[in-house]
Amino acid sequence: MRQLIATSFISLDGVVEAPGGEPGYHNAGWTMNSVEFDPSAYELKGTEQSEASAMLLGRVSYQAFAPVWPAMDEQFPMYNSMPKYVLSSTLTKNDLVDNWGETTILRSIADVARLRAGEGGAISIHGSATLVRSLQEHQLIDRYNLLVFPVLLGSGKRLFTQETLDAQKLTLVDSQVYSNGIQKNVFDVIR
């Protein structure tokens, strides 16, 4: 069985929307505007690239990343070469970029569950807040890699579902606080 790893930049109040400056959100770019840059706080991103064998995205995140990430080979060399899976009921093969490696469209959470149940290494989920919430509701997330920023944003897309669920216990497997106040928290889901 493969491990599904949700990775996210997240505000202290749980917002994950537009951390890098994506348009349409009033606090867009909050990761760059809220703290001083400390490169050690982002080492988790390099670790994630070496530990993952594939990437899973929702449609919105795919459409935001696909035009940009292929040109960022210096920052994302392993992500750019690994297989990608996109969960979408509307995308077609014609909507996929041709310079970002092998990409497979999945149509349902059941497709994601089958992918997770198969052979292979870890699958890293980037952005994709709606997808992460749905996977959480179906108890398919195995690990959360979170970089928690010391900022309160109020409104915005949240990482965690608001649905009534049975408690999902987590265990903290790695943590660190950086000079700029960012906290790395890595949690495994206890099953």
Protein backbone atom coordinates (compact mmCIF):
# COMPACT_ATOMS: atom_id res chain seq x y z
CA MET A 1 0.00 0.00 0.00
CA ARG A 2 1.21 3.47 -0.85
CA GLN A 3 1.21 6.35 1.62
CA LEU A 4 -0.78 9.54 0.85
CA ILE A 5 1.02 12.58 2.25
CA ALA A 6 -0.81 15.91 2.41
CA THR A 7 1.74 18.70 2.45
CA SER A 8 0.77 22.28 3.07
CA PHE A 9 1.75 25.78 4.05
CA ILE A 10 -0.88 26.64 6.64
CA SER A 11 -1.69 29.68 8.79
CA LEU A 12 -2.13 29.25 12.52
CA ASP A 13 -5.91 29.46 12.01
CA GLY A 14 -5.90 26.73 9.35
CA VAL A 15 -6.01 28.73 6.10
CA VAL A 16 -4.15 27.28 3.11
CA GLU A 17 -5.47 29.51 0.33
CA ALA A 18 -3.05 31.34 -2.01
CA PRO A 19 0.17 31.03 0.01
CA GLY A 20 2.32 31.91 -2.99
CA GLY A 21 0.31 34.83 -4.33
CA GLU A 22 -2.32 33.13 -6.45
CA PRO A 23 -4.86 35.75 -7.62
CA GLY A 24 -8.33 36.20 -6.21
CA TYR A 25 -7.64 35.98 -2.47
CA HIS A 26 -7.26 39.16 -0.41
CA ASN A 27 -4.27 37.79 1.57
CA ALA A 28 -2.55 36.22 -1.45
CA GLY A 29 1.17 35.67 -0.91
CA TRP A 30 0.88 35.45 2.87
CA THR A 31 3.84 33.06 3.18
CA MET A 32 6.14 35.72 1.76
CA ASN A 33 4.54 38.66 3.55
CA SER A 34 4.18 37.23 7.05
CA VAL A 35 7.73 36.19 8.01
CA GLU A 36 11.36 36.79 7.17
CA PHE A 37 12.88 34.21 4.85
CA ASP A 38 14.76 31.38 6.57
CA PRO A 39 15.89 28.71 4.07
CA SER A 40 16.06 26.02 6.76
CA ALA A 41 12.28 26.31 7.24
CA TYR A 42 11.79 25.00 3.70
CA GLU A 43 14.12 21.99 3.87
CA LEU A 44 11.00 19.84 4.26
CA LYS A 45 10.22 20.54 0.59
CA GLY A 46 13.49 18.88 -0.49
CA THR A 47 12.80 15.92 1.79
CA GLU A 48 9.32 15.54 0.32
CA GLN A 49 10.71 15.45 -3.22
CA SER A 50 13.12 12.65 -2.37
CA GLU A 51 10.52 10.61 -0.44
CA ALA A 52 7.65 10.80 -2.93
CA SER A 53 7.33 8.69 -6.05
CA ALA A 54 4.28 10.51 -7.45
CA MET A 55 2.22 13.66 -7.01
CA LEU A 56 -1.56 13.96 -6.58
CA LEU A 57 -3.40 17.21 -7.27
CA GLY A 58 -6.94 18.48 -7.51
CA ARG A 59 -8.00 20.24 -10.69
CA VAL A 60 -7.59 23.81 -9.38
CA SER A 61 -4.07 23.17 -8.06
CA TYR A 62 -3.08 21.33 -11.23
CA GLN A 63 -4.23 24.28 -13.34
CA ALA A 64 -2.26 26.67 -11.09
CA PHE A 65 0.96 24.60 -10.92
CA ALA A 66 1.14 23.10 -14.44
CA PRO A 67 1.98 26.37 -16.25
CA VAL A 68 4.65 27.30 -13.67
CA TRP A 69 6.39 24.29 -12.09
CA PRO A 70 7.83 22.73 -15.29
CA ALA A 71 10.05 25.81 -15.69
CA MET A 72 11.24 25.57 -12.07
CA ASP A 73 13.60 22.63 -12.52
CA GLU A 74 16.11 24.06 -10.06
CA GLN A 75 13.53 24.18 -7.23
CA PHE A 76 11.48 21.08 -8.14
CA PRO A 77 13.66 18.68 -10.18
CA MET A 78 12.20 15.47 -8.75
CA TYR A 79 8.61 16.74 -8.72
CA ASN A 80 8.87 17.69 -12.36
CA SER A 81 10.00 14.21 -13.40
CA MET A 82 7.65 12.09 -11.25
CA PRO A 83 4.24 10.85 -12.41
CA LYS A 84 1.28 13.09 -11.61
CA TYR A 85 -2.33 12.20 -10.88
CA VAL A 86 -5.11 14.76 -11.07
CA LEU A 87 -8.52 14.17 -9.53
CA SER A 88 -11.10 15.90 -11.72
CA SER A 89 -14.50 15.18 -13.14
CA THR A 90 -14.07 17.84 -15.84
CA LEU A 91 -10.47 17.83 -17.14
CA THR A 92 -9.70 16.00 -20.36
CA LYS A 93 -6.36 14.90 -21.82
CA ASN A 94 -6.47 18.03 -23.99
CA ASP A 95 -6.38 20.17 -20.81
CA LEU A 96 -3.07 18.65 -19.64
CA VAL A 97 0.25 20.33 -20.30
CA ASP A 98 2.69 18.26 -22.33
CA ASN A 99 5.92 19.40 -20.64
CA TRP A 100 5.34 18.19 -17.08
CA GLY A 101 5.77 14.45 -17.45
CA GLU A 102 3.30 11.62 -17.27
CA THR A 103 -0.11 12.76 -15.98
CA THR A 104 -3.13 10.55 -15.32
CA ILE A 105 -6.63 11.88 -14.70
CA LEU A 106 -8.56 10.17 -11.90
CA ARG A 107 -12.33 10.59 -11.80
CA SER A 108 -13.31 9.65 -8.24
CA ILE A 109 -12.18 9.18 -4.66
CA ALA A 110 -12.53 5.45 -5.34
CA ASP A 111 -9.85 5.85 -8.04
CA VAL A 112 -7.59 7.52 -5.47
CA ALA A 113 -8.27 4.69 -3.00
CA ARG A 114 -7.27 2.13 -5.66
CA LEU A 115 -4.10 4.10 -6.44
CA ARG A 116 -3.23 4.19 -2.74
CA ALA A 117 -3.88 0.45 -2.39
CA GLY A 118 -1.48 -0.36 -5.23
CA GLU A 119 2.26 -0.88 -5.36
CA GLY A 120 4.76 1.97 -5.28
CA GLY A 121 6.14 4.70 -3.11
CA ALA A 122 4.57 7.62 -1.31
CA ILE A 123 2.27 10.04 -3.11
CA SER A 124 2.58 13.70 -2.19
CA ILE A 125 -0.50 15.96 -2.33
CA HIS A 126 0.21 19.66 -2.91
CA GLY A 127 -2.26 22.51 -2.52
CA SER A 128 -5.57 20.87 -3.38
CA ALA A 129 -7.46 21.84 -0.21
CA THR A 130 -10.78 20.49 -1.49
CA LEU A 131 -9.17 17.19 -2.40
CA VAL A 132 -7.39 16.92 0.97
CA ARG A 133 -10.64 17.55 2.85
CA SER A 134 -12.41 14.86 0.84
CA LEU A 135 -9.57 12.38 1.36
CA GLN A 136 -9.63 13.18 5.09
CA GLU A 137 -13.37 12.49 5.18
CA HIS A 138 -12.72 9.09 3.55
CA GLN A 139 -9.77 8.37 5.92
CA LEU A 140 -7.28 8.08 3.06
CA ILE A 141 -4.61 10.53 4.28
CA ASP A 142 -1.68 8.77 5.97
CA ARG A 143 0.56 11.73 6.86
CA TYR A 144 0.36 15.51 7.14
CA ASN A 145 3.52 17.55 6.45
CA LEU A 146 2.67 21.03 7.68
CA LEU A 147 4.65 24.25 7.72
CA VAL A 148 2.63 26.39 10.13
CA PHE A 149 3.11 30.13 9.67
CA PRO A 150 2.67 32.50 12.63
CA VAL A 151 -0.13 34.48 11.04
CA LEU A 152 -3.91 34.65 11.42
CA LEU A 153 -5.75 35.14 8.13
CA GLY A 154 -9.39 34.83 9.12
CA SER A 155 -11.25 33.88 5.97
CA GLY A 156 -9.98 31.54 3.29
CA LYS A 157 -9.94 27.89 2.30
CA ARG A 158 -9.14 25.64 5.22
CA LEU A 159 -7.08 22.47 5.08
CA PHE A 160 -9.25 20.41 7.40
CA THR A 161 -12.86 19.42 6.85
CA GLN A 162 -15.72 21.00 8.77
CA GLU A 163 -17.79 17.81 8.43
CA THR A 164 -18.68 15.80 11.51
CA LEU A 165 -16.27 12.86 11.59
CA ASP A 166 -15.11 10.27 14.07
CA ALA A 167 -11.89 11.42 15.74
CA GLN A 168 -8.76 10.73 13.70
CA LYS A 169 -5.82 10.35 16.04
CA LEU A 170 -2.41 11.57 14.93
CA THR A 171 1.09 11.05 16.22
CA LEU A 172 3.76 13.74 15.88
CA VAL A 173 6.77 12.16 14.16
CA ASP A 174 8.85 15.28 13.49
CA SER A 175 8.74 18.92 14.53
CA GLN A 176 10.94 21.97 14.56
CA VAL A 177 10.59 25.69 15.14
CA TYR A 178 12.60 28.03 12.93
CA SER A 179 14.05 31.48 13.61
CA ASN A 180 11.18 33.18 11.75
CA GLY A 181 8.49 31.45 13.82
CA ILE A 182 7.47 28.85 11.22
CA GLN A 183 6.81 25.46 12.77
CA LYS A 184 7.32 22.18 10.96
CA ASN A 185 4.85 19.55 12.17
CA VAL A 186 4.79 16.09 10.61
CA PHE A 187 1.91 13.90 11.78
CA ASP A 188 1.16 10.28 10.94
CA VAL A 189 -2.47 9.22 11.07
CA ILE A 190 -2.98 6.38 13.56
CA ARG A 191 -5.16 3.59 12.18
